[in-house]
Amino acid sequence: MDDKFMGASSTSSPTLPLPANGKQKGRRRRGSLFQALIPSQTEGKRPLLPIVLAVLVWVGLAYAGYAFAVYTLDKQQQFVNQRIDQIQENNQKQMKALGDQLTLVQEEMQNVQKGLGNLEEDLALTGETIGGTNKTKEALQDRVDQLNKQLVDLKASLKKLEDAARAW
């Protein structure tokens, strides 16, 4: 049975180092959080250059992000201002077109009113001279009714145009 079991030796093995006298070598001391952040005099000081470079890189990235944001916002503001100018120009053109249409409708309405006044005078004169032909009176009355209807339609369209002009 001796050949099946290895004998335990009391000497330390080179593959598994055991602590001497219950103490471990190379183990860091436990300390407070403050001591962990600030290296002690016995530990080696860190070189200052990598820390300064890291801070400079972060500052550079922050500034580049800010500059890009300002550039992007300026471009968007220019686009919005350009679009507003285009819309205002388009609105001015539409207002001018509505004004022109309103003027045309008013002129046409005045012409219809003049024609209606002339027809009423002609009807009065015809009624006096003819003295009673119903066909002529009916024809003239139909024409007067048509012109009155056209006048009402023109007034309605004038009202719509005025409302549209006020809305702009």
N, C-alpha and C. Protein backbone atom coordinates (compact mmCIF):
# COMPACT_ATOMS: atom_id res chain seq x y z
N MET A 1 0.79 -1.18 0.00
CA MET A 1 0.00 0.00 0.00
C MET A 1 0.83 1.25 0.00
N ASP A 2 2.03 1.12 0.42
CA ASP A 2 2.89 2.29 0.43
C ASP A 2 3.14 2.79 -0.98
N ASP A 3 3.17 1.90 -1.93
CA ASP A 3 3.43 2.37 -3.27
C ASP A 3 2.22 3.05 -3.91
N LYS A 4 1.01 2.81 -3.36
CA LYS A 4 -0.18 3.47 -3.91
C LYS A 4 -0.33 4.89 -3.42
N PHE A 5 0.11 5.16 -2.24
CA PHE A 5 -0.05 6.48 -1.66
C PHE A 5 1.27 7.22 -1.65
N MET A 6 1.16 8.51 -1.91
CA MET A 6 2.36 9.31 -1.86
C MET A 6 2.56 9.78 -0.43
N GLY A 7 3.71 9.87 -0.11
CA GLY A 7 4.00 10.34 1.22
C GLY A 7 3.92 11.84 1.29
N ALA A 8 3.40 12.37 2.35
CA ALA A 8 3.31 13.81 2.53
C ALA A 8 4.58 14.30 3.14
N SER A 9 5.12 15.31 2.54
CA SER A 9 6.36 15.85 3.08
C SER A 9 6.05 17.17 3.77
N SER A 10 6.87 17.51 4.69
CA SER A 10 6.65 18.75 5.44
C SER A 10 7.38 19.92 4.82
N THR A 11 8.09 19.69 3.74
CA THR A 11 8.80 20.78 3.08
C THR A 11 7.85 21.46 2.11
N SER A 12 8.09 22.71 1.88
CA SER A 12 7.21 23.44 0.96
C SER A 12 7.53 23.08 -0.49
N SER A 13 6.52 22.97 -1.28
CA SER A 13 6.63 22.58 -2.68
C SER A 13 6.91 23.82 -3.51
N PRO A 14 7.71 23.69 -4.57
CA PRO A 14 7.98 24.87 -5.41
C PRO A 14 6.77 25.27 -6.25
N THR A 15 5.80 24.40 -6.45
CA THR A 15 4.65 24.75 -7.27
C THR A 15 3.56 25.42 -6.47
N LEU A 16 3.43 25.11 -5.19
CA LEU A 16 2.41 25.73 -4.37
C LEU A 16 3.07 26.45 -3.20
N PRO A 17 3.29 27.70 -3.31
CA PRO A 17 3.94 28.39 -2.20
C PRO A 17 2.96 28.54 -1.04
N LEU A 18 3.37 28.24 0.13
CA LEU A 18 2.55 28.39 1.33
C LEU A 18 3.07 29.58 2.12
N PRO A 19 2.20 30.25 2.78
CA PRO A 19 2.66 31.39 3.56
C PRO A 19 3.49 30.93 4.74
N ALA A 20 4.46 31.71 5.01
CA ALA A 20 5.33 31.38 6.12
C ALA A 20 4.78 31.99 7.39
N ASN A 21 4.67 31.20 8.39
CA ASN A 21 4.21 31.63 9.70
C ASN A 21 2.82 32.28 9.64
N GLY A 22 1.94 31.88 8.75
CA GLY A 22 0.57 32.39 8.69
C GLY A 22 0.44 33.73 7.99
N LYS A 23 1.48 34.28 7.48
CA LYS A 23 1.42 35.56 6.78
C LYS A 23 1.62 35.33 5.29
N GLN A 24 0.91 36.08 4.48
CA GLN A 24 1.05 35.95 3.04
C GLN A 24 1.93 37.09 2.54
N LYS A 25 2.88 36.77 1.70
CA LYS A 25 3.75 37.79 1.14
C LYS A 25 3.09 38.38 -0.11
N GLY A 26 3.29 39.64 -0.38
CA GLY A 26 2.80 40.28 -1.60
C GLY A 26 1.32 40.65 -1.52
N ARG A 27 0.70 40.43 -0.41
CA ARG A 27 -0.72 40.77 -0.30
C ARG A 27 -0.83 42.24 0.10
N ARG A 28 -1.77 42.93 -0.53
CA ARG A 28 -1.95 44.35 -0.25
C ARG A 28 -2.62 44.53 1.09
N ARG A 29 -2.28 45.57 1.71
CA ARG A 29 -2.90 45.88 2.99
C ARG A 29 -4.28 46.45 2.75
N ARG A 30 -5.16 46.18 3.66
CA ARG A 30 -6.49 46.77 3.58
C ARG A 30 -6.44 48.13 4.22
N GLY A 31 -7.14 49.05 3.57
CA GLY A 31 -7.16 50.40 4.11
C GLY A 31 -8.49 51.06 3.79
N SER A 32 -8.58 52.31 4.07
CA SER A 32 -9.82 53.04 3.78
C SER A 32 -9.89 53.36 2.29
N LEU A 33 -11.05 53.85 1.87
CA LEU A 33 -11.25 54.23 0.48
C LEU A 33 -10.34 55.40 0.12
N PHE A 34 -10.17 56.30 1.06
CA PHE A 34 -9.31 57.45 0.83
C PHE A 34 -7.87 57.02 0.58
N GLN A 35 -7.41 56.04 1.33
CA GLN A 35 -6.06 55.55 1.15
C GLN A 35 -5.91 54.83 -0.19
N ALA A 36 -7.04 54.23 -0.68
CA ALA A 36 -6.97 53.54 -1.97
C ALA A 36 -6.88 54.55 -3.11
N LEU A 37 -7.51 55.71 -2.93
CA LEU A 37 -7.49 56.70 -3.99
C LEU A 37 -6.16 57.46 -4.03
N ILE A 38 -5.58 57.71 -2.90
CA ILE A 38 -4.32 58.44 -2.84
C ILE A 38 -3.23 57.43 -2.50
N PRO A 39 -2.31 57.19 -3.41
CA PRO A 39 -1.26 56.20 -3.12
C PRO A 39 -0.37 56.68 -1.99
N SER A 40 0.04 55.75 -1.22
CA SER A 40 0.91 56.09 -0.07
C SER A 40 2.33 56.35 -0.54
N GLN A 41 3.15 56.80 0.34
CA GLN A 41 4.53 57.13 0.01
C GLN A 41 5.32 55.88 -0.38
N THR A 42 4.93 54.76 0.21
CA THR A 42 5.71 53.56 -0.08
C THR A 42 5.36 52.98 -1.43
N GLU A 43 4.12 53.18 -1.89
CA GLU A 43 3.75 52.68 -3.21
C GLU A 43 4.30 53.63 -4.26
N GLY A 44 4.49 53.16 -5.49
CA GLY A 44 5.06 53.98 -6.55
C GLY A 44 4.06 55.03 -7.02
N LYS A 45 4.55 56.21 -7.31
CA LYS A 45 3.68 57.28 -7.82
C LYS A 45 3.40 57.03 -9.29
N ARG A 46 2.17 57.36 -9.69
CA ARG A 46 1.82 57.21 -11.10
C ARG A 46 2.39 58.38 -11.88
N PRO A 47 2.76 58.12 -13.13
CA PRO A 47 3.28 59.23 -13.92
C PRO A 47 2.16 60.22 -14.25
N LEU A 48 2.44 61.48 -14.29
CA LEU A 48 1.45 62.54 -14.49
C LEU A 48 1.03 62.65 -15.96
N LEU A 49 1.87 62.32 -16.90
CA LEU A 49 1.59 62.50 -18.32
C LEU A 49 0.35 61.74 -18.80
N PRO A 50 0.16 60.46 -18.49
CA PRO A 50 -1.04 59.78 -18.99
C PRO A 50 -2.33 60.39 -18.44
N ILE A 51 -2.31 60.86 -17.21
CA ILE A 51 -3.52 61.47 -16.63
C ILE A 51 -3.83 62.78 -17.34
N VAL A 52 -2.81 63.58 -17.58
CA VAL A 52 -3.01 64.85 -18.26
C VAL A 52 -3.50 64.61 -19.69
N LEU A 53 -2.93 63.63 -20.37
CA LEU A 53 -3.37 63.32 -21.74
C LEU A 53 -4.83 62.85 -21.75
N ALA A 54 -5.23 62.02 -20.79
CA ALA A 54 -6.61 61.55 -20.73
C ALA A 54 -7.57 62.72 -20.51
N VAL A 55 -7.21 63.64 -19.62
CA VAL A 55 -8.05 64.82 -19.37
C VAL A 55 -8.14 65.67 -20.63
N LEU A 56 -7.01 65.87 -21.31
CA LEU A 56 -7.02 66.66 -22.54
C LEU A 56 -7.87 66.03 -23.63
N VAL A 57 -7.82 64.70 -23.73
CA VAL A 57 -8.65 64.01 -24.72
C VAL A 57 -10.13 64.23 -24.41
N TRP A 58 -10.51 64.10 -23.15
CA TRP A 58 -11.92 64.29 -22.76
C TRP A 58 -12.36 65.72 -23.00
N VAL A 59 -11.52 66.68 -22.67
CA VAL A 59 -11.86 68.08 -22.93
C VAL A 59 -12.01 68.32 -24.42
N GLY A 60 -11.11 67.75 -25.22
CA GLY A 60 -11.19 67.89 -26.67
C GLY A 60 -12.46 67.28 -27.22
N LEU A 61 -12.84 66.12 -26.73
CA LEU A 61 -14.08 65.48 -27.19
C LEU A 61 -15.30 66.31 -26.80
N ALA A 62 -15.29 66.84 -25.59
CA ALA A 62 -16.42 67.67 -25.15
C ALA A 62 -16.54 68.92 -26.01
N TYR A 63 -15.41 69.57 -26.31
CA TYR A 63 -15.44 70.76 -27.14
C TYR A 63 -15.89 70.43 -28.56
N ALA A 64 -15.40 69.32 -29.11
CA ALA A 64 -15.81 68.91 -30.46
C ALA A 64 -17.31 68.64 -30.51
N GLY A 65 -17.85 68.01 -29.48
CA GLY A 65 -19.30 67.77 -29.42
C GLY A 65 -20.08 69.06 -29.37
N TYR A 66 -19.59 70.01 -28.57
CA TYR A 66 -20.25 71.31 -28.48
C TYR A 66 -20.20 72.04 -29.82
N ALA A 67 -19.04 72.04 -30.45
CA ALA A 67 -18.89 72.73 -31.74
C ALA A 67 -19.79 72.09 -32.80
N PHE A 68 -19.89 70.78 -32.80
CA PHE A 68 -20.75 70.09 -33.77
C PHE A 68 -22.22 70.44 -33.51
N ALA A 69 -22.61 70.47 -32.24
CA ALA A 69 -24.00 70.81 -31.91
C ALA A 69 -24.34 72.24 -32.35
N VAL A 70 -23.42 73.16 -32.12
CA VAL A 70 -23.65 74.55 -32.54
C VAL A 70 -23.74 74.64 -34.06
N TYR A 71 -22.87 73.95 -34.76
CA TYR A 71 -22.88 73.95 -36.23
C TYR A 71 -24.21 73.38 -36.75
N THR A 72 -24.64 72.26 -36.17
CA THR A 72 -25.89 71.62 -36.61
C THR A 72 -27.08 72.53 -36.34
N LEU A 73 -27.12 73.15 -35.18
CA LEU A 73 -28.23 74.05 -34.86
C LEU A 73 -28.24 75.27 -35.78
N ASP A 74 -27.07 75.79 -36.12
CA ASP A 74 -27.01 76.92 -37.05
C ASP A 74 -27.55 76.55 -38.42
N LYS A 75 -27.18 75.38 -38.89
CA LYS A 75 -27.69 74.92 -40.20
C LYS A 75 -29.21 74.76 -40.16
N GLN A 76 -29.72 74.18 -39.09
CA GLN A 76 -31.17 74.00 -38.97
C GLN A 76 -31.87 75.35 -38.90
N GLN A 77 -31.29 76.31 -38.19
CA GLN A 77 -31.89 77.63 -38.08
C GLN A 77 -31.92 78.32 -39.44
N GLN A 78 -30.86 78.18 -40.21
CA GLN A 78 -30.82 78.75 -41.56
C GLN A 78 -31.90 78.14 -42.44
N PHE A 79 -32.07 76.81 -42.34
CA PHE A 79 -33.09 76.14 -43.14
C PHE A 79 -34.49 76.61 -42.74
N VAL A 80 -34.73 76.73 -41.45
CA VAL A 80 -36.05 77.18 -40.97
C VAL A 80 -36.31 78.60 -41.43
N ASN A 81 -35.33 79.49 -41.32
CA ASN A 81 -35.51 80.87 -41.77
C ASN A 81 -35.77 80.95 -43.26
N GLN A 82 -35.06 80.14 -44.03
CA GLN A 82 -35.27 80.11 -45.48
C GLN A 82 -36.68 79.63 -45.80
N ARG A 83 -37.13 78.62 -45.11
CA ARG A 83 -38.48 78.07 -45.35
C ARG A 83 -39.55 79.09 -44.97
N ILE A 84 -39.33 79.82 -43.88
CA ILE A 84 -40.29 80.85 -43.46
C ILE A 84 -40.37 81.95 -44.53
N ASP A 85 -39.21 82.35 -45.07
CA ASP A 85 -39.20 83.37 -46.12
C ASP A 85 -39.96 82.90 -47.36
N GLN A 86 -39.77 81.63 -47.73
CA GLN A 86 -40.49 81.08 -48.88
C GLN A 86 -41.99 81.10 -48.64
N ILE A 87 -42.41 80.71 -47.46
CA ILE A 87 -43.84 80.67 -47.14
C ILE A 87 -44.43 82.07 -47.14
N GLN A 88 -43.69 83.05 -46.59
CA GLN A 88 -44.17 84.43 -46.59
C GLN A 88 -44.31 84.96 -48.02
N GLU A 89 -43.35 84.63 -48.86
CA GLU A 89 -43.41 85.07 -50.25
C GLU A 89 -44.62 84.45 -50.95
N ASN A 90 -44.86 83.17 -50.71
CA ASN A 90 -46.00 82.49 -51.29
C ASN A 90 -47.31 83.11 -50.80
N ASN A 91 -47.37 83.44 -49.51
CA ASN A 91 -48.58 84.06 -48.96
C ASN A 91 -48.82 85.43 -49.59
N GLN A 92 -47.75 86.19 -49.83
CA GLN A 92 -47.91 87.50 -50.46
C GLN A 92 -48.47 87.36 -51.88
N LYS A 93 -48.00 86.35 -52.61
CA LYS A 93 -48.51 86.11 -53.96
C LYS A 93 -49.99 85.75 -53.92
N GLN A 94 -50.37 84.90 -52.97
CA GLN A 94 -51.77 84.50 -52.86
C GLN A 94 -52.65 85.69 -52.46
N MET A 95 -52.14 86.54 -51.56
CA MET A 95 -52.91 87.72 -51.17
C MET A 95 -53.12 88.66 -52.36
N LYS A 96 -52.09 88.82 -53.17
CA LYS A 96 -52.23 89.67 -54.35
C LYS A 96 -53.25 89.08 -55.32
N ALA A 97 -53.20 87.75 -55.51
CA ALA A 97 -54.17 87.10 -56.41
C ALA A 97 -55.58 87.25 -55.88
N LEU A 98 -55.77 87.09 -54.58
CA LEU A 98 -57.10 87.26 -53.99
C LEU A 98 -57.58 88.70 -54.13
N GLY A 99 -56.68 89.65 -53.96
CA GLY A 99 -57.04 91.06 -54.13
C GLY A 99 -57.48 91.35 -55.55
N ASP A 100 -56.76 90.78 -56.52
CA ASP A 100 -57.13 90.96 -57.93
C ASP A 100 -58.50 90.35 -58.21
N GLN A 101 -58.75 89.16 -57.69
CA GLN A 101 -60.06 88.52 -57.88
C GLN A 101 -61.16 89.34 -57.23
N LEU A 102 -60.89 89.87 -56.07
CA LEU A 102 -61.88 90.68 -55.37
C LEU A 102 -62.21 91.93 -56.18
N THR A 103 -61.21 92.55 -56.77
CA THR A 103 -61.44 93.73 -57.60
C THR A 103 -62.28 93.38 -58.83
N LEU A 104 -61.97 92.26 -59.46
CA LEU A 104 -62.74 91.83 -60.64
C LEU A 104 -64.20 91.56 -60.28
N VAL A 105 -64.42 90.90 -59.15
CA VAL A 105 -65.79 90.58 -58.74
C VAL A 105 -66.55 91.87 -58.42
N GLN A 106 -65.88 92.83 -57.77
CA GLN A 106 -66.55 94.10 -57.46
C GLN A 106 -66.91 94.85 -58.74
N GLU A 107 -66.00 94.85 -59.71
CA GLU A 107 -66.29 95.51 -60.98
C GLU A 107 -67.45 94.84 -61.70
N GLU A 108 -67.46 93.51 -61.70
CA GLU A 108 -68.55 92.78 -62.35
C GLU A 108 -69.87 93.05 -61.64
N MET A 109 -69.84 93.14 -60.33
CA MET A 109 -71.06 93.40 -59.57
C MET A 109 -71.58 94.81 -59.89
N GLN A 110 -70.68 95.78 -60.02
CA GLN A 110 -71.11 97.13 -60.38
C GLN A 110 -71.72 97.15 -61.78
N ASN A 111 -71.14 96.39 -62.72
CA ASN A 111 -71.69 96.31 -64.08
C ASN A 111 -73.09 95.69 -64.06
N VAL A 112 -73.27 94.65 -63.25
CA VAL A 112 -74.59 94.01 -63.16
C VAL A 112 -75.60 94.98 -62.56
N GLN A 113 -75.19 95.74 -61.54
CA GLN A 113 -76.10 96.71 -60.93
C GLN A 113 -76.49 97.78 -61.95
N LYS A 114 -75.51 98.25 -62.74
CA LYS A 114 -75.83 99.25 -63.77
C LYS A 114 -76.79 98.67 -64.80
N GLY A 115 -76.51 97.42 -65.23
CA GLY A 115 -77.39 96.77 -66.20
C GLY A 115 -78.79 96.58 -65.63
N LEU A 116 -78.88 96.26 -64.36
CA LEU A 116 -80.18 96.07 -63.71
C LEU A 116 -80.92 97.41 -63.64
N GLY A 117 -80.20 98.45 -63.32
CA GLY A 117 -80.84 99.79 -63.29
C GLY A 117 -81.33 100.19 -64.67
N ASN A 118 -80.53 99.92 -65.71
CA ASN A 118 -80.94 100.23 -67.08
C ASN A 118 -82.17 99.44 -67.49
N LEU A 119 -82.20 98.17 -67.09
CA LEU A 119 -83.36 97.33 -67.43
C LEU A 119 -84.63 97.81 -66.73
N GLU A 120 -84.48 98.23 -65.50
CA GLU A 120 -85.65 98.72 -64.77
C GLU A 120 -86.17 100.00 -65.43
N GLU A 121 -85.25 100.85 -65.87
CA GLU A 121 -85.68 102.07 -66.58
C GLU A 121 -86.36 101.70 -67.89
N ASP A 122 -85.74 100.76 -68.62
CA ASP A 122 -86.33 100.32 -69.89
C ASP A 122 -87.70 99.70 -69.65
N LEU A 123 -87.83 98.95 -68.59
CA LEU A 123 -89.11 98.31 -68.27
C LEU A 123 -90.15 99.38 -67.95
N ALA A 124 -89.75 100.38 -67.22
CA ALA A 124 -90.70 101.45 -66.90
C ALA A 124 -91.10 102.20 -68.17
N LEU A 125 -90.12 102.48 -69.05
CA LEU A 125 -90.43 103.18 -70.29
C LEU A 125 -91.27 102.29 -71.22
N THR A 126 -90.93 101.02 -71.27
CA THR A 126 -91.67 100.10 -72.13
C THR A 126 -93.09 99.96 -71.64
N GLY A 127 -93.25 99.90 -70.33
CA GLY A 127 -94.59 99.77 -69.77
C GLY A 127 -95.44 100.99 -70.10
N GLU A 128 -94.82 102.16 -70.14
CA GLU A 128 -95.57 103.37 -70.45
C GLU A 128 -95.89 103.45 -71.93
N THR A 129 -94.94 103.10 -72.79
CA THR A 129 -95.15 103.24 -74.23
C THR A 129 -96.00 102.13 -74.79
N ILE A 130 -95.77 100.90 -74.39
CA ILE A 130 -96.53 99.79 -74.94
C ILE A 130 -97.90 99.78 -74.29
N GLY A 131 -97.89 100.00 -73.01
CA GLY A 131 -99.16 100.14 -72.34
C GLY A 131 -99.83 98.83 -72.03
N GLY A 132 -99.18 97.72 -71.99
CA GLY A 132 -99.90 96.56 -71.52
C GLY A 132 -99.61 95.26 -72.21
N THR A 133 -98.56 95.12 -73.01
CA THR A 133 -98.30 93.80 -73.57
C THR A 133 -97.64 92.95 -72.50
N ASN A 134 -98.27 91.84 -72.22
CA ASN A 134 -97.78 90.95 -71.16
C ASN A 134 -96.51 90.20 -71.55
N LYS A 135 -96.37 89.88 -72.81
CA LYS A 135 -95.18 89.12 -73.22
C LYS A 135 -93.92 89.94 -73.01
N THR A 136 -93.94 91.17 -73.37
CA THR A 136 -92.77 92.02 -73.22
C THR A 136 -92.46 92.22 -71.73
N LYS A 137 -93.51 92.47 -70.96
CA LYS A 137 -93.31 92.65 -69.52
C LYS A 137 -92.76 91.37 -68.87
N GLU A 138 -93.29 90.21 -69.29
CA GLU A 138 -92.82 88.95 -68.72
C GLU A 138 -91.36 88.69 -69.11
N ALA A 139 -91.01 88.98 -70.35
CA ALA A 139 -89.64 88.77 -70.80
C ALA A 139 -88.69 89.70 -70.05
N LEU A 140 -89.11 90.94 -69.90
CA LEU A 140 -88.27 91.88 -69.16
C LEU A 140 -88.17 91.49 -67.68
N GLN A 141 -89.29 91.02 -67.13
CA GLN A 141 -89.27 90.61 -65.72
C GLN A 141 -88.38 89.38 -65.52
N ASP A 142 -88.41 88.45 -66.48
CA ASP A 142 -87.52 87.29 -66.40
C ASP A 142 -86.05 87.73 -66.44
N ARG A 143 -85.76 88.69 -67.30
CA ARG A 143 -84.38 89.18 -67.40
C ARG A 143 -83.96 89.88 -66.10
N VAL A 144 -84.89 90.63 -65.53
CA VAL A 144 -84.60 91.30 -64.25
C VAL A 144 -84.38 90.25 -63.16
N ASP A 145 -85.19 89.21 -63.14
CA ASP A 145 -85.01 88.14 -62.14
C ASP A 145 -83.67 87.43 -62.31
N GLN A 146 -83.28 87.19 -63.55
CA GLN A 146 -81.98 86.57 -63.81
C GLN A 146 -80.84 87.45 -63.32
N LEU A 147 -80.95 88.73 -63.60
CA LEU A 147 -79.90 89.65 -63.16
C LEU A 147 -79.88 89.77 -61.64
N ASN A 148 -81.06 89.74 -61.01
CA ASN A 148 -81.09 89.77 -59.54
C ASN A 148 -80.43 88.53 -58.95
N LYS A 149 -80.71 87.38 -59.57
CA LYS A 149 -80.10 86.14 -59.10
C LYS A 149 -78.58 86.19 -59.28
N GLN A 150 -78.13 86.70 -60.41
CA GLN A 150 -76.70 86.82 -60.66
C GLN A 150 -76.07 87.80 -59.66
N LEU A 151 -76.79 88.86 -59.32
CA LEU A 151 -76.30 89.81 -58.34
C LEU A 151 -76.15 89.17 -56.97
N VAL A 152 -77.11 88.34 -56.58
CA VAL A 152 -77.04 87.64 -55.29
C VAL A 152 -75.85 86.68 -55.28
N ASP A 153 -75.66 85.96 -56.39
CA ASP A 153 -74.52 85.04 -56.48
C ASP A 153 -73.19 85.79 -56.40
N LEU A 154 -73.12 86.93 -57.07
CA LEU A 154 -71.89 87.72 -57.03
C LEU A 154 -71.63 88.27 -55.64
N LYS A 155 -72.67 88.66 -54.93
CA LYS A 155 -72.49 89.15 -53.57
C LYS A 155 -71.99 88.03 -52.66
N ALA A 156 -72.52 86.81 -52.87
CA ALA A 156 -72.07 85.67 -52.07
C ALA A 156 -70.61 85.35 -52.35
N SER A 157 -70.23 85.38 -53.63
CA SER A 157 -68.82 85.10 -53.95
C SER A 157 -67.91 86.22 -53.45
N LEU A 158 -68.39 87.45 -53.46
CA LEU A 158 -67.63 88.57 -52.91
C LEU A 158 -67.41 88.38 -51.42
N LYS A 159 -68.45 87.96 -50.73
CA LYS A 159 -68.33 87.71 -49.29
C LYS A 159 -67.30 86.62 -49.01
N LYS A 160 -67.32 85.54 -49.81
CA LYS A 160 -66.34 84.46 -49.63
C LYS A 160 -64.92 84.97 -49.86
N LEU A 161 -64.73 85.77 -50.89
CA LEU A 161 -63.40 86.30 -51.17
C LEU A 161 -62.92 87.23 -50.06
N GLU A 162 -63.83 88.05 -49.54
CA GLU A 162 -63.44 88.93 -48.43
C GLU A 162 -63.07 88.11 -47.19
N ASP A 163 -63.82 87.05 -46.91
CA ASP A 163 -63.51 86.18 -45.77
C ASP A 163 -62.16 85.50 -45.97
N ALA A 164 -61.89 85.06 -47.18
CA ALA A 164 -60.62 84.41 -47.47
C ALA A 164 -59.45 85.40 -47.33
N ALA A 165 -59.68 86.63 -47.76
CA ALA A 165 -58.64 87.64 -47.65
C ALA A 165 -58.37 87.97 -46.19
N ARG A 166 -59.40 87.99 -45.37
CA ARG A 166 -59.21 88.25 -43.94
C ARG A 166 -58.47 87.10 -43.25
N ALA A 167 -58.73 85.89 -43.71
CA ALA A 167 -58.09 84.71 -43.10
C ALA A 167 -56.59 84.71 -43.34
N TRP A 168 -56.14 85.29 -44.46
CA TRP A 168 -54.71 85.29 -44.74
C TRP A 168 -54.06 86.37 -43.95
